[in-house]
Amino acid sequence: MDQIVMVAVTSAHRGESFQACEFVMDYLKTQAPFWKKEQ
């Protein structure tokens, strides 16, 4: 339940913001150099 990530995007219209936010999250999930270990 701890917050782990926030992506916020601003634009003139919602379509660009929705798409860009999803683009950034898709990148973070696959390309950002983080290593996660679960207990």
Full PDB file with SEQRES, HELIX, SHEET, SSBOND, CRYST1, ORIGX, SCALE, CONECT and MASTER records, all heavy atoms in Angstrom:
SEQRES   1 A   39  MET ASP GLN ILE VAL MET VAL ALA VAL THR SER ALA HIS          
SEQRES   2 A   39  ARG GLY GLU SER PHE GLN ALA CYS GLU PHE VAL MET ASP          
SEQRES   3 A   39  TYR LEU LYS THR GLN ALA PRO PHE TRP LYS LYS GLU GLN          
HELIX    1 AA1 ARG A   14  THR A   30  1                                  17    
CRYST1    1.000    1.000    1.000  90.00  90.00  90.00 P 1           1          
ORIGX1      1.000000  0.000000  0.000000        0.00000                         
ORIGX2      0.000000  1.000000  0.000000        0.00000                         
ORIGX3      0.000000  0.000000  1.000000        0.00000                         
SCALE1      1.000000  0.000000  0.000000        0.00000                         
SCALE2      0.000000  1.000000  0.000000        0.00000                         
SCALE3      0.000000  0.000000  1.000000        0.00000                         
ATOM      1  N   MET A   1       0.800  -1.220   0.000  1.00  0.00           N  
ATOM      2  CA  MET A   1       0.000   0.000   0.000  1.00  0.00           C  
ATOM      3  C   MET A   1       0.837   1.276   0.000  1.00  0.00           C  
ATOM      4  O   MET A   1       0.292   2.359  -0.155  1.00  0.00           O  
ATOM      5  CB  MET A   1      -1.031   0.015   1.137  1.00  0.00           C  
ATOM      6  CG  MET A   1      -2.033  -1.123   1.001  1.00  0.00           C  
ATOM      7  SD  MET A   1      -3.288  -1.201   2.282  1.00  0.00           S  
ATOM      8  CE  MET A   1      -4.140   0.333   2.013  1.00  0.00           C  
ATOM      9  N   ASP A   2       2.168   1.181   0.156  1.00  0.00           N  
ATOM     10  CA  ASP A   2       3.018   2.367   0.032  1.00  0.00           C  
ATOM     11  C   ASP A   2       2.994   2.832  -1.419  1.00  0.00           C  
ATOM     12  O   ASP A   2       2.976   2.018  -2.344  1.00  0.00           O  
ATOM     13  CB  ASP A   2       4.471   2.060   0.414  1.00  0.00           C  
ATOM     14  CG  ASP A   2       4.698   1.980   1.901  1.00  0.00           C  
ATOM     15  OD1 ASP A   2       3.796   2.339   2.688  1.00  0.00           O  
ATOM     16  OD2 ASP A   2       5.810   1.542   2.290  1.00  0.00           O  
ATOM     17  N   GLN A   3       3.022   4.146  -1.607  1.00  0.00           N  
ATOM     18  CA  GLN A   3       3.163   4.696  -2.948  1.00  0.00           C  
ATOM     19  C   GLN A   3       4.569   4.395  -3.450  1.00  0.00           C  
ATOM     20  O   GLN A   3       5.538   4.567  -2.707  1.00  0.00           O  
ATOM     21  CB  GLN A   3       2.939   6.205  -2.941  1.00  0.00           C  
ATOM     22  CG  GLN A   3       1.550   6.597  -2.515  1.00  0.00           C  
ATOM     23  CD  GLN A   3       1.333   8.093  -2.572  1.00  0.00           C  
ATOM     24  OE1 GLN A   3       0.387   8.530  -3.177  1.00  0.00           O  
ATOM     25  NE2 GLN A   3       2.193   8.888  -1.941  1.00  0.00           N  
ATOM     26  N   ILE A   4       4.660   3.976  -4.704  1.00  0.00           N  
ATOM     27  CA  ILE A   4       5.967   3.640  -5.262  1.00  0.00           C  
ATOM     28  C   ILE A   4       6.345   4.560  -6.413  1.00  0.00           C  
ATOM     29  O   ILE A   4       7.517   4.882  -6.599  1.00  0.00           O  
ATOM     30  CB  ILE A   4       5.994   2.154  -5.696  1.00  0.00           C  
ATOM     31  CG1 ILE A   4       7.388   1.703  -6.072  1.00  0.00           C  
ATOM     32  CG2 ILE A   4       5.030   1.881  -6.811  1.00  0.00           C  
ATOM     33  CD1 ILE A   4       7.501   0.216  -6.284  1.00  0.00           C  
ATOM     34  N   VAL A   5       5.344   5.010  -7.194  1.00  0.00           N  
ATOM     35  CA  VAL A   5       5.642   5.816  -8.372  1.00  0.00           C  
ATOM     36  C   VAL A   5       4.500   6.795  -8.649  1.00  0.00           C  
ATOM     37  O   VAL A   5       3.344   6.492  -8.375  1.00  0.00           O  
ATOM     38  CB  VAL A   5       5.891   4.925  -9.613  1.00  0.00           C  
ATOM     39  CG1 VAL A   5       4.659   4.117  -9.984  1.00  0.00           C  
ATOM     40  CG2 VAL A   5       6.374   5.736 -10.800  1.00  0.00           C  
ATOM     41  N   MET A   6       4.866   7.954  -9.175  1.00  0.00           N  
ATOM     42  CA  MET A   6       3.888   8.917  -9.665  1.00  0.00           C  
ATOM     43  C   MET A   6       4.382   9.453 -10.997  1.00  0.00           C  
ATOM     44  O   MET A   6       5.549   9.830 -11.124  1.00  0.00           O  
ATOM     45  CB  MET A   6       3.707  10.091  -8.707  1.00  0.00           C  
ATOM     46  CG  MET A   6       2.634  11.070  -9.203  1.00  0.00           C  
ATOM     47  SD  MET A   6       2.646  12.661  -8.361  1.00  0.00           S  
ATOM     48  CE  MET A   6       3.858  13.535  -9.358  1.00  0.00           C  
ATOM     49  N   VAL A   7       3.493   9.461 -11.975  1.00  0.00           N  
ATOM     50  CA  VAL A   7       3.746  10.106 -13.255  1.00  0.00           C  
ATOM     51  C   VAL A   7       2.622  11.100 -13.458  1.00  0.00           C  
ATOM     52  O   VAL A   7       1.444  10.728 -13.397  1.00  0.00           O  
ATOM     53  CB  VAL A   7       3.778   9.093 -14.424  1.00  0.00           C  
ATOM     54  CG1 VAL A   7       3.872   9.822 -15.755  1.00  0.00           C  
ATOM     55  CG2 VAL A   7       4.933   8.125 -14.256  1.00  0.00           C  
ATOM     56  N   ALA A   8       2.973  12.365 -13.660  1.00  0.00           N  
ATOM     57  CA  ALA A   8       1.978  13.402 -13.929  1.00  0.00           C  
ATOM     58  C   ALA A   8       2.381  14.139 -15.194  1.00  0.00           C  
ATOM     59  O   ALA A   8       3.558  14.448 -15.400  1.00  0.00           O  
ATOM     60  CB  ALA A   8       1.886  14.373 -12.758  1.00  0.00           C  
ATOM     61  N   VAL A   9       1.388  14.395 -16.046  1.00  0.00           N  
ATOM     62  CA  VAL A   9       1.616  15.011 -17.345  1.00  0.00           C  
ATOM     63  C   VAL A   9       0.597  16.121 -17.543  1.00  0.00           C  
ATOM     64  O   VAL A   9      -0.585  15.931 -17.252  1.00  0.00           O  
ATOM     65  CB  VAL A   9       1.473  13.954 -18.468  1.00  0.00           C  
ATOM     66  CG1 VAL A   9       1.644  14.588 -19.827  1.00  0.00           C  
ATOM     67  CG2 VAL A   9       2.461  12.823 -18.271  1.00  0.00           C  
ATOM     68  N   THR A  10       1.054  17.271 -18.045  1.00  0.00           N  
ATOM     69  CA  THR A  10       0.138  18.364 -18.371  1.00  0.00           C  
ATOM     70  C   THR A  10       0.204  18.667 -19.864  1.00  0.00           C  
ATOM     71  O   THR A  10       1.249  18.537 -20.500  1.00  0.00           O  
ATOM     72  CB  THR A  10       0.455  19.648 -17.586  1.00  0.00           C  
ATOM     73  OG1 THR A  10       1.764  20.103 -17.931  1.00  0.00           O  
ATOM     74  CG2 THR A  10       0.357  19.425 -16.083  1.00  0.00           C  
ATOM     75  N   SER A  11      -0.952  19.072 -20.385  1.00  0.00           N  
ATOM     76  CA  SER A  11      -1.060  19.450 -21.793  1.00  0.00           C  
ATOM     77  C   SER A  11      -2.292  20.341 -21.948  1.00  0.00           C  
ATOM     78  O   SER A  11      -2.978  20.639 -20.965  1.00  0.00           O  
ATOM     79  CB  SER A  11      -1.185  18.210 -22.681  1.00  0.00           C  
ATOM     80  OG  SER A  11      -2.413  17.555 -22.436  1.00  0.00           O  
ATOM     81  N   ALA A  12      -2.571  20.732 -23.176  1.00  0.00           N  
ATOM     82  CA  ALA A  12      -3.754  21.550 -23.433  1.00  0.00           C  
ATOM     83  C   ALA A  12      -5.028  20.712 -23.343  1.00  0.00           C  
ATOM     84  O   ALA A  12      -6.062  21.202 -22.890  1.00  0.00           O  
ATOM     85  CB  ALA A  12      -3.655  22.212 -24.805  1.00  0.00           C  
ATOM     86  N   HIS A  13      -4.952  19.444 -23.773  1.00  0.00           N  
ATOM     87  CA  HIS A  13      -6.144  18.605 -23.860  1.00  0.00           C  
ATOM     88  C   HIS A  13      -5.892  17.226 -23.278  1.00  0.00           C  
ATOM     89  O   HIS A  13      -4.760  16.732 -23.271  1.00  0.00           O  
ATOM     90  CB  HIS A  13      -6.595  18.486 -25.318  1.00  0.00           C  
ATOM     91  CG  HIS A  13      -6.841  19.810 -25.966  1.00  0.00           C  
ATOM     92  ND1 HIS A  13      -7.941  20.582 -25.677  1.00  0.00           N  
ATOM     93  CD2 HIS A  13      -6.103  20.515 -26.848  1.00  0.00           C  
ATOM     94  CE1 HIS A  13      -7.889  21.711 -26.370  1.00  0.00           C  
ATOM     95  NE2 HIS A  13      -6.767  21.700 -27.088  1.00  0.00           N  
ATOM     96  N   ARG A  14      -6.951  16.572 -22.844  1.00  0.00           N  
ATOM     97  CA  ARG A  14      -6.840  15.304 -22.120  1.00  0.00           C  
ATOM     98  C   ARG A  14      -6.210  14.177 -22.937  1.00  0.00           C  
ATOM     99  O   ARG A  14      -5.489  13.358 -22.388  1.00  0.00           O  
ATOM    100  CB  ARG A  14      -8.194  14.875 -21.574  1.00  0.00           C  
ATOM    101  CG  ARG A  14      -9.190  14.461 -22.627  1.00  0.00           C  
ATOM    102  CD  ARG A  14     -10.532  14.063 -22.006  1.00  0.00           C  
ATOM    103  NE  ARG A  14     -11.469  13.655 -23.032  1.00  0.00           N  
ATOM    104  CZ  ARG A  14     -12.318  14.471 -23.654  1.00  0.00           C  
ATOM    105  NH1 ARG A  14     -12.329  15.751 -23.333  1.00  0.00           N  
ATOM    106  NH2 ARG A  14     -13.137  14.012 -24.578  1.00  0.00           N  
ATOM    107  N   GLY A  15      -6.489  14.119 -24.234  1.00  0.00           N  
ATOM    108  CA  GLY A  15      -5.968  13.020 -25.044  1.00  0.00           C  
ATOM    109  C   GLY A  15      -4.460  12.930 -24.987  1.00  0.00           C  
ATOM    110  O   GLY A  15      -3.895  11.849 -24.806  1.00  0.00           O  
ATOM    111  N   GLU A  16      -3.796  14.055 -25.164  1.00  0.00           N  
ATOM    112  CA  GLU A  16      -2.321  14.076 -25.101  1.00  0.00           C  
ATOM    113  C   GLU A  16      -1.839  13.664 -23.714  1.00  0.00           C  
ATOM    114  O   GLU A  16      -0.871  12.915 -23.584  1.00  0.00           O  
ATOM    115  CB  GLU A  16      -1.796  15.474 -25.442  1.00  0.00           C  
ATOM    116  CG  GLU A  16      -2.018  15.894 -26.867  1.00  0.00           C  
ATOM    117  CD  GLU A  16      -1.038  15.259 -27.839  1.00  0.00           C  
ATOM    118  OE1 GLU A  16       0.175  15.219 -27.550  1.00  0.00           O  
ATOM    119  OE2 GLU A  16      -1.504  14.813 -28.896  1.00  0.00           O  
ATOM    120  N   SER A  17      -2.519  14.164 -22.679  1.00  0.00           N  
ATOM    121  CA  SER A  17      -2.103  13.832 -21.311  1.00  0.00           C  
ATOM    122  C   SER A  17      -2.265  12.351 -21.014  1.00  0.00           C  
ATOM    123  O   SER A  17      -1.372  11.728 -20.438  1.00  0.00           O  
ATOM    124  CB  SER A  17      -2.898  14.653 -20.287  1.00  0.00           C  
ATOM    125  OG  SER A  17      -2.494  15.984 -20.302  1.00  0.00           O  
ATOM    126  N   PHE A  18      -3.417  11.781 -21.380  1.00  0.00           N  
ATOM    127  CA  PHE A  18      -3.633  10.351 -21.143  1.00  0.00           C  
ATOM    128  C   PHE A  18      -2.580   9.518 -21.861  1.00  0.00           C  
ATOM    129  O   PHE A  18      -1.973   8.624 -21.277  1.00  0.00           O  
ATOM    130  CB  PHE A  18      -5.023   9.916 -21.629  1.00  0.00           C  
ATOM    131  CG  PHE A  18      -6.144  10.241 -20.680  1.00  0.00           C  
ATOM    132  CD1 PHE A  18      -7.261  10.912 -21.137  1.00  0.00           C  
ATOM    133  CD2 PHE A  18      -6.104   9.860 -19.352  1.00  0.00           C  
ATOM    134  CE1 PHE A  18      -8.319  11.203 -20.281  1.00  0.00           C  
ATOM    135  CE2 PHE A  18      -7.146  10.152 -18.481  1.00  0.00           C  
ATOM    136  CZ  PHE A  18      -8.257  10.828 -18.959  1.00  0.00           C  
ATOM    137  N   GLN A  19      -2.375   9.795 -23.145  1.00  0.00           N  
ATOM    138  CA  GLN A  19      -1.426   9.008 -23.923  1.00  0.00           C  
ATOM    139  C   GLN A  19      -0.005   9.149 -23.382  1.00  0.00           C  
ATOM    140  O   GLN A  19       0.723   8.161 -23.261  1.00  0.00           O  
ATOM    141  CB  GLN A  19      -1.464   9.420 -25.387  1.00  0.00           C  
ATOM    142  CG  GLN A  19      -2.699   8.950 -26.109  1.00  0.00           C  
ATOM    143  CD  GLN A  19      -2.644   9.322 -27.580  1.00  0.00           C  
ATOM    144  OE1 GLN A  19      -2.093  10.352 -27.952  1.00  0.00           O  
ATOM    145  NE2 GLN A  19      -3.194   8.469 -28.416  1.00  0.00           N  
ATOM    146  N   ALA A  20       0.401  10.364 -23.089  1.00  0.00           N  
ATOM    147  CA  ALA A  20       1.762  10.587 -22.604  1.00  0.00           C  
ATOM    148  C   ALA A  20       1.989   9.931 -21.244  1.00  0.00           C  
ATOM    149  O   ALA A  20       3.056   9.353 -21.001  1.00  0.00           O  
ATOM    150  CB  ALA A  20       2.059  12.081 -22.531  1.00  0.00           C  
ATOM    151  N   CYS A  21       0.998   9.989 -20.380  1.00  0.00           N  
ATOM    152  CA  CYS A  21       1.130   9.352 -19.064  1.00  0.00           C  
ATOM    153  C   CYS A  21       1.300   7.844 -19.227  1.00  0.00           C  
ATOM    154  O   CYS A  21       2.163   7.236 -18.591  1.00  0.00           O  
ATOM    155  CB  CYS A  21      -0.095   9.687 -18.210  1.00  0.00           C  
ATOM    156  SG  CYS A  21       0.101   9.266 -16.479  1.00  0.00           S  
ATOM    157  N   GLU A  22       0.522   7.257 -20.102  1.00  0.00           N  
ATOM    158  CA  GLU A  22       0.637   5.821 -20.345  1.00  0.00           C  
ATOM    159  C   GLU A  22       1.978   5.471 -20.992  1.00  0.00           C  
ATOM    160  O   GLU A  22       2.615   4.477 -20.639  1.00  0.00           O  
ATOM    161  CB  GLU A  22      -0.525   5.364 -21.233  1.00  0.00           C  
ATOM    162  CG  GLU A  22      -0.745   3.891 -21.199  1.00  0.00           C  
ATOM    163  CD  GLU A  22      -2.069   3.480 -21.807  1.00  0.00           C  
ATOM    164  OE1 GLU A  22      -2.738   4.291 -22.486  1.00  0.00           O  
ATOM    165  OE2 GLU A  22      -2.420   2.303 -21.606  1.00  0.00           O  
ATOM    166  N   PHE A  23       2.418   6.289 -21.922  1.00  0.00           N  
ATOM    167  CA  PHE A  23       3.718   6.098 -22.565  1.00  0.00           C  
ATOM    168  C   PHE A  23       4.836   6.094 -21.519  1.00  0.00           C  
ATOM    169  O   PHE A  23       5.695   5.207 -21.507  1.00  0.00           O  
ATOM    170  CB  PHE A  23       3.946   7.225 -23.586  1.00  0.00           C  
ATOM    171  CG  PHE A  23       5.314   7.243 -24.201  1.00  0.00           C  
ATOM    172  CD1 PHE A  23       5.632   6.395 -25.245  1.00  0.00           C  
ATOM    173  CD2 PHE A  23       6.274   8.136 -23.753  1.00  0.00           C  
ATOM    174  CE1 PHE A  23       6.899   6.422 -25.829  1.00  0.00           C  
ATOM    175  CE2 PHE A  23       7.538   8.175 -24.322  1.00  0.00           C  
ATOM    176  CZ  PHE A  23       7.846   7.310 -25.359  1.00  0.00           C  
ATOM    177  N   VAL A  24       4.829   7.071 -20.639  1.00  0.00           N  
ATOM    178  CA  VAL A  24       5.867   7.168 -19.609  1.00  0.00           C  
ATOM    179  C   VAL A  24       5.813   5.958 -18.679  1.00  0.00           C  
ATOM    180  O   VAL A  24       6.847   5.372 -18.348  1.00  0.00           O  
ATOM    181  CB  VAL A  24       5.750   8.496 -18.831  1.00  0.00           C  
ATOM    182  CG1 VAL A  24       6.696   8.515 -17.641  1.00  0.00           C  
ATOM    183  CG2 VAL A  24       6.026   9.679 -19.749  1.00  0.00           C  
ATOM    184  N   MET A  25       4.622   5.545 -18.263  1.00  0.00           N  
ATOM    185  CA  MET A  25       4.524   4.378 -17.374  1.00  0.00           C  
ATOM    186  C   MET A  25       4.989   3.107 -18.076  1.00  0.00           C  
ATOM    187  O   MET A  25       5.685   2.283 -17.469  1.00  0.00           O  
ATOM    188  CB  MET A  25       3.084   4.198 -16.876  1.00  0.00           C  
ATOM    189  CG  MET A  25       2.777   4.972 -15.611  1.00  0.00           C  
ATOM    190  SD  MET A  25       3.982   4.734 -14.263  1.00  0.00           S  
ATOM    191  CE  MET A  25       4.018   2.964 -14.068  1.00  0.00           C  
ATOM    192  N   ASP A  26       4.620   2.941 -19.339  1.00  0.00           N  
ATOM    193  CA  ASP A  26       5.076   1.752 -20.069  1.00  0.00           C  
ATOM    194  C   ASP A  26       6.597   1.726 -20.141  1.00  0.00           C  
ATOM    195  O   ASP A  26       7.224   0.676 -19.999  1.00  0.00           O  
ATOM    196  CB  ASP A  26       4.474   1.717 -21.475  1.00  0.00           C  
ATOM    197  CG  ASP A  26       2.983   1.398 -21.477  1.00  0.00           C  
ATOM    198  OD1 ASP A  26       2.463   0.927 -20.447  1.00  0.00           O  
ATOM    199  OD2 ASP A  26       2.338   1.635 -22.517  1.00  0.00           O  
ATOM    200  N   TYR A  27       7.199   2.882 -20.338  1.00  0.00           N  
ATOM    201  CA  TYR A  27       8.655   2.963 -20.356  1.00  0.00           C  
ATOM    202  C   TYR A  27       9.233   2.586 -18.985  1.00  0.00           C  
ATOM    203  O   TYR A  27      10.147   1.766 -18.889  1.00  0.00           O  
ATOM    204  CB  TYR A  27       9.130   4.367 -20.734  1.00  0.00           C  
ATOM    205  CG  TYR A  27      10.624   4.492 -20.625  1.00  0.00           C  
ATOM    206  CD1 TYR A  27      11.445   4.197 -21.699  1.00  0.00           C  
ATOM    207  CD2 TYR A  27      11.233   4.843 -19.426  1.00  0.00           C  
ATOM    208  CE1 TYR A  27      12.826   4.270 -21.589  1.00  0.00           C  
ATOM    209  CE2 TYR A  27      12.608   4.904 -19.311  1.00  0.00           C  
ATOM    210  CZ  TYR A  27      13.397   4.623 -20.384  1.00  0.00           C  
ATOM    211  OH  TYR A  27      14.757   4.674 -20.266  1.00  0.00           O  
ATOM    212  N   LEU A  28       8.692   3.197 -17.939  1.00  0.00           N  
ATOM    213  CA  LEU A  28       9.219   2.948 -16.585  1.00  0.00           C  
ATOM    214  C   LEU A  28       9.171   1.455 -16.232  1.00  0.00           C  
ATOM    215  O   LEU A  28      10.102   0.927 -15.623  1.00  0.00           O  
ATOM    216  CB  LEU A  28       8.438   3.742 -15.545  1.00  0.00           C  
ATOM    217  CG  LEU A  28       8.746   5.222 -15.453  1.00  0.00           C  
ATOM    218  CD1 LEU A  28       7.749   5.917 -14.543  1.00  0.00           C  
ATOM    219  CD2 LEU A  28      10.162   5.460 -14.967  1.00  0.00           C  
ATOM    220  N   LYS A  29       8.078   0.793 -16.597  1.00  0.00           N  
ATOM    221  CA  LYS A  29       7.915  -0.613 -16.239  1.00  0.00           C  
ATOM    222  C   LYS A  29       8.921  -1.528 -16.935  1.00  0.00           C  
ATOM    223  O   LYS A  29       9.205  -2.618 -16.438  1.00  0.00           O  
ATOM    224  CB  LYS A  29       6.496  -1.082 -16.585  1.00  0.00           C  
ATOM    225  CG  LYS A  29       5.412  -0.529 -15.706  1.00  0.00           C  
ATOM    226  CD  LYS A  29       5.432  -1.110 -14.335  1.00  0.00           C  
ATOM    227  CE  LYS A  29       4.959  -2.541 -14.331  1.00  0.00           C  
ATOM    228  NZ  LYS A  29       4.908  -3.148 -13.017  1.00  0.00           N  
ATOM    229  N   THR A  30       9.446  -1.090 -18.072  1.00  0.00           N  
ATOM    230  CA  THR A  30      10.293  -1.995 -18.859  1.00  0.00           C  
ATOM    231  C   THR A  30      11.728  -1.522 -19.044  1.00  0.00           C  
ATOM    232  O   THR A  30      12.623  -2.345 -19.205  1.00  0.00           O  
ATOM    233  CB  THR A  30       9.683  -2.214 -20.253  1.00  0.00           C  
ATOM    234  OG1 THR A  30       9.544  -0.949 -20.888  1.00  0.00           O  
ATOM    235  CG2 THR A  30       8.331  -2.898 -20.176  1.00  0.00           C  
ATOM    236  N   GLN A  31      11.947  -0.221 -19.054  1.00  0.00           N  
ATOM    237  CA  GLN A  31      13.254   0.303 -19.441  1.00  0.00           C  
ATOM    238  C   GLN A  31      14.032   0.985 -18.315  1.00  0.00           C  
ATOM    239  O   GLN A  31      15.252   1.095 -18.414  1.00  0.00           O  
ATOM    240  CB  GLN A  31      13.085   1.315 -20.579  1.00  0.00           C  
ATOM    241  CG  GLN A  31      12.338   0.774 -21.776  1.00  0.00           C  
ATOM    242  CD  GLN A  31      13.107  -0.295 -22.517  1.00  0.00           C  
ATOM    243  OE1 GLN A  31      14.210  -0.049 -22.978  1.00  0.00           O  
ATOM    244  NE2 GLN A  31      12.552  -1.471 -22.610  1.00  0.00           N  
ATOM    245  N   ALA A  32      13.355   1.501 -17.333  1.00  0.00           N  
ATOM    246  CA  ALA A  32      14.060   2.227 -16.277  1.00  0.00           C  
ATOM    247  C   ALA A  32      14.885   1.246 -15.439  1.00  0.00           C  
ATOM    248  O   ALA A  32      14.398   0.181 -15.068  1.00  0.00           O  
ATOM    249  CB  ALA A  32      13.080   2.993 -15.399  1.00  0.00           C  
ATOM    250  N   PRO A  33      16.123   1.615 -15.149  1.00  0.00           N  
ATOM    251  CA  PRO A  33      17.005   0.690 -14.415  1.00  0.00           C  
ATOM    252  C   PRO A  33      16.723   0.654 -12.911  1.00  0.00           C  
ATOM    253  O   PRO A  33      17.360   1.338 -12.118  1.00  0.00           O  
ATOM    254  CB  PRO A  33      18.407   1.229 -14.726  1.00  0.00           C  
ATOM    255  CG  PRO A  33      18.215   2.667 -15.061  1.00  0.00           C  
ATOM    256  CD  PRO A  33      16.837   2.801 -15.623  1.00  0.00           C  
ATOM    257  N   PHE A  34      15.713  -0.141 -12.562  1.00  0.00           N  
ATOM    258  CA  PHE A  34      15.380  -0.425 -11.162  1.00  0.00           C  
ATOM    259  C   PHE A  34      15.423  -1.927 -10.982  1.00  0.00           C  
ATOM    260  O   PHE A  34      15.109  -2.684 -11.905  1.00  0.00           O  
ATOM    261  CB  PHE A  34      13.955   0.051 -10.808  1.00  0.00           C  
ATOM    262  CG  PHE A  34      13.791   1.528 -10.748  1.00  0.00           C  
ATOM    263  CD1 PHE A  34      13.202   2.202 -11.801  1.00  0.00           C  
ATOM    264  CD2 PHE A  34      14.201   2.255  -9.642  1.00  0.00           C  
ATOM    265  CE1 PHE A  34      13.025   3.575 -11.756  1.00  0.00           C  
ATOM    266  CE2 PHE A  34      14.041   3.629  -9.592  1.00  0.00           C  
ATOM    267  CZ  PHE A  34      13.444   4.291 -10.648  1.00  0.00           C  
ATOM    268  N   TRP A  35      15.786  -2.363  -9.793  1.00  0.00           N  
ATOM    269  CA  TRP A  35      15.762  -3.773  -9.449  1.00  0.00           C  
ATOM    270  C   TRP A  35      14.871  -3.916  -8.236  1.00  0.00           C  
ATOM    271  O   TRP A  35      15.049  -3.223  -7.220  1.00  0.00           O  
ATOM    272  CB  TRP A  35      17.175  -4.274  -9.178  1.00  0.00           C  
ATOM    273  CG  TRP A  35      17.982  -4.226 -10.427  1.00  0.00           C  
ATOM    274  CD1 TRP A  35      18.134  -5.228 -11.351  1.00  0.00           C  
ATOM    275  CD2 TRP A  35      18.715  -3.105 -10.936  1.00  0.00           C  
ATOM    276  NE1 TRP A  35      18.920  -4.790 -12.394  1.00  0.00           N  
ATOM    277  CE2 TRP A  35      19.289  -3.490 -12.164  1.00  0.00           C  
ATOM    278  CE3 TRP A  35      18.940  -1.801 -10.491  1.00  0.00           C  
ATOM    279  CZ2 TRP A  35      20.069  -2.645 -12.931  1.00  0.00           C  
ATOM    280  CZ3 TRP A  35      19.711  -0.949 -11.249  1.00  0.00           C  
ATOM    281  CH2 TRP A  35      20.273  -1.372 -12.455  1.00  0.00           C  
ATOM    282  N   LYS A  36      13.885  -4.841  -8.348  1.00  0.00           N  
ATOM    283  CA  LYS A  36      12.883  -5.019  -7.296  1.00  0.00           C  
ATOM    284  C   LYS A  36      13.020  -6.404  -6.694  1.00  0.00           C  
ATOM    285  O   LYS A  36      13.063  -7.399  -7.407  1.00  0.00           O  
ATOM    286  CB  LYS A  36      11.473  -4.854  -7.870  1.00  0.00           C  
ATOM    287  CG  LYS A  36      11.232  -3.519  -8.514  1.00  0.00           C  
ATOM    288  CD  LYS A  36       9.870  -3.487  -9.190  1.00  0.00           C  
ATOM    289  CE  LYS A  36       9.680  -2.183  -9.923  1.00  0.00           C  
ATOM    290  NZ  LYS A  36       8.403  -2.146 -10.655  1.00  0.00           N  
ATOM    291  N   LYS A  37      13.050  -6.425  -5.364  1.00  0.00           N  
ATOM    292  CA  LYS A  37      13.122  -7.694  -4.638  1.00  0.00           C  
ATOM    293  C   LYS A  37      11.951  -7.759  -3.661  1.00  0.00           C  
ATOM    294  O   LYS A  37      11.768  -6.853  -2.850  1.00  0.00           O  
ATOM    295  CB  LYS A  37      14.451  -7.817  -3.903  1.00  0.00           C  
ATOM    296  CG  LYS A  37      14.631  -9.135  -3.197  1.00  0.00           C  
ATOM    297  CD  LYS A  37      16.037  -9.378  -2.662  1.00  0.00           C  
ATOM    298  CE  LYS A  37      16.648  -8.219  -1.985  1.00  0.00           C  
ATOM    299  NZ  LYS A  37      17.929  -8.513  -1.330  1.00  0.00           N  
ATOM    300  N   GLU A  38      11.155  -8.829  -3.758  1.00  0.00           N  
ATOM    301  CA  GLU A  38      10.010  -9.022  -2.874  1.00  0.00           C  
ATOM    302  C   GLU A  38      10.361  -9.999  -1.760  1.00  0.00           C  
ATOM    303  O   GLU A  38      11.103 -10.952  -1.990  1.00  0.00           O  
ATOM    304  CB  GLU A  38       8.822  -9.614  -3.642  1.00  0.00           C  
ATOM    305  CG  GLU A  38       8.275  -8.734  -4.708  1.00  0.00           C  
ATOM    306  CD  GLU A  38       7.195  -9.426  -5.523  1.00  0.00           C  
ATOM    307  OE1 GLU A  38       7.235 -10.670  -5.688  1.00  0.00           O  
ATOM    308  OE2 GLU A  38       6.318  -8.704  -6.002  1.00  0.00           O  
ATOM    309  N   GLN A  39       9.775  -9.761  -0.600  1.00  0.00           N  
ATOM    310  CA  GLN A  39       9.849 -10.718   0.503  1.00  0.00           C  
ATOM    311  C   GLN A  39       8.531 -11.468   0.543  1.00  0.00           C  
ATOM    312  O   GLN A  39       7.473 -10.869   0.715  1.00  0.00           O  
ATOM    313  CB  GLN A  39      10.097 -10.001   1.844  1.00  0.00           C  
ATOM    314  CG  GLN A  39      11.481  -9.435   1.995  1.00  0.00           C  
ATOM    315  CD  GLN A  39      12.556 -10.519   2.057  1.00  0.00           C  
ATOM    316  OE1 GLN A  39      12.312 -11.647   2.484  1.00  0.00           O  
ATOM    317  NE2 GLN A  39      13.755 -10.173   1.614  1.00  0.00           N  
TER     318      GLN A  39                                                      
MASTER        0    0    0    1    0    0    0    6  317    1    0    3          
END                                                                             
